[in-house]
């Protein structure tokens, strides 16, 4: 389980990907995430895929047309929300 206080694990991936993943985790939609973040759907998909590669685990699965976060995706979404909360000015 990812611990927000474990800096070594936090430094193992690109933290710039977390804000987009936080939006994706709440919308479960590449298109809606892109709209909210000012990105294209392929750009959002690429960022989520890159984050999953860096983490080493899938972050979501597909159930038909529905996107469902994996347990690792849920952990990362909680971390992303926590980082956002802590860094808001």
Protein backbone atom coordinates (compact mmCIF):
# COMPACT_ATOMS: atom_id res chain seq x y z
CA UNK A 1 0.00 0.00 0.00
CA UNK A 2 1.30 3.43 -0.93
CA UNK A 3 2.01 5.68 2.04
CA UNK A 4 1.98 9.45 1.32
CA UNK A 5 4.80 9.90 3.83
CA UNK A 6 7.13 7.46 2.03
CA UNK A 7 9.18 9.87 -0.08
CA UNK A 8 11.20 7.15 -1.78
CA UNK A 9 8.05 5.67 -3.30
CA UNK A 10 6.69 9.11 -4.21
CA UNK A 11 9.91 9.96 -6.04
CA UNK A 12 9.71 6.81 -8.16
CA UNK A 13 7.17 8.33 -10.55
CA UNK A 14 6.34 11.61 -12.25
CA UNK A 15 4.32 13.65 -9.75
CA UNK A 16 3.09 15.91 -12.57
CA UNK A 17 0.81 13.05 -13.63
CA UNK A 18 -1.10 13.01 -10.32
CA UNK A 19 -3.47 15.95 -10.94
CA UNK A 20 -4.75 14.44 -14.18
CA UNK A 21 -5.08 11.04 -12.52
CA UNK A 22 -7.05 12.59 -9.64
CA UNK A 23 -9.57 13.99 -12.14
CA UNK A 24 -9.66 10.70 -14.06
CA UNK A 25 -10.30 8.80 -10.81
CA UNK A 26 -13.30 10.98 -10.07
CA UNK A 27 -14.77 11.03 -13.59
CA UNK A 28 -13.76 7.56 -14.84
CA UNK A 29 -13.71 9.15 -18.30
CA UNK A 30 -10.74 10.05 -20.49
CA UNK A 31 -12.89 12.49 -22.46
CA UNK A 32 -14.32 14.29 -19.42
CA UNK A 33 -10.90 14.40 -17.76
CA UNK A 34 -9.49 15.96 -20.91
CA UNK A 35 -12.26 18.55 -20.97
CA UNK A 36 -11.65 19.49 -17.33
CA UNK A 37 -7.86 19.56 -17.65
CA UNK A 38 -7.65 21.20 -21.06
CA UNK A 39 -6.16 18.11 -22.68
CA UNK A 40 -7.19 15.81 -25.50
CA UNK A 41 -8.59 12.36 -24.75
CA UNK A 42 -5.45 10.68 -26.19
CA UNK A 43 -3.22 12.88 -24.01
CA UNK A 44 -5.14 11.88 -20.88
CA UNK A 45 -5.03 8.21 -21.85
CA UNK A 46 -1.28 8.48 -22.44
CA UNK A 47 -0.67 10.11 -19.07
CA UNK A 48 -2.70 7.50 -17.20
CA UNK A 49 -0.92 4.73 -19.11
CA UNK A 50 2.50 6.25 -18.37
CA UNK A 51 1.63 6.51 -14.67
CA UNK A 52 0.51 2.87 -14.62
CA UNK A 53 3.79 1.86 -16.25
CA UNK A 54 5.79 3.85 -13.72
CA UNK A 55 3.81 2.35 -10.82
CA UNK A 56 4.10 -1.13 -12.29
CA UNK A 57 0.43 -2.03 -11.88
CA UNK A 58 -2.75 -1.44 -13.87
CA UNK A 59 -4.75 1.48 -12.46
CA UNK A 60 -8.10 0.65 -14.05
CA UNK A 61 -9.94 -2.10 -15.85
CA UNK A 62 -12.79 -2.02 -18.33
CA UNK A 63 -16.16 -3.60 -17.67
CA UNK A 64 -17.87 -3.13 -20.98
CA UNK A 65 -17.88 0.63 -21.46
CA UNK A 66 -17.30 1.34 -17.77
CA UNK A 67 -13.82 2.13 -16.40
CA UNK A 68 -13.24 0.79 -12.90
CA UNK A 69 -10.22 1.61 -10.76
CA UNK A 70 -8.17 -1.34 -9.57
CA UNK A 71 -7.22 -1.54 -5.89
CA UNK A 72 -3.86 0.03 -6.82
CA UNK A 73 -5.73 2.73 -8.76
CA UNK A 74 -7.89 3.45 -5.71
CA UNK A 75 -4.75 3.77 -3.55
CA UNK A 76 -3.15 6.12 -6.04
CA UNK A 77 -6.35 8.18 -6.34
CA UNK A 78 -6.37 8.66 -2.56
CA UNK A 79 -2.72 9.67 -2.67
CA UNK A 80 -3.37 12.09 -5.56
CA UNK A 81 -6.24 13.71 -3.66
CA UNK A 82 -4.06 13.98 -0.54
CA UNK A 83 -1.18 15.56 -2.48
CA UNK A 84 -3.61 18.03 -4.08
CA UNK A 85 -5.08 18.93 -0.70
CA UNK A 86 -1.65 19.45 0.83
CA UNK A 87 -0.35 21.57 -2.05
CA UNK A 88 -3.34 23.83 -2.68
CA UNK A 89 -2.48 27.46 -2.20
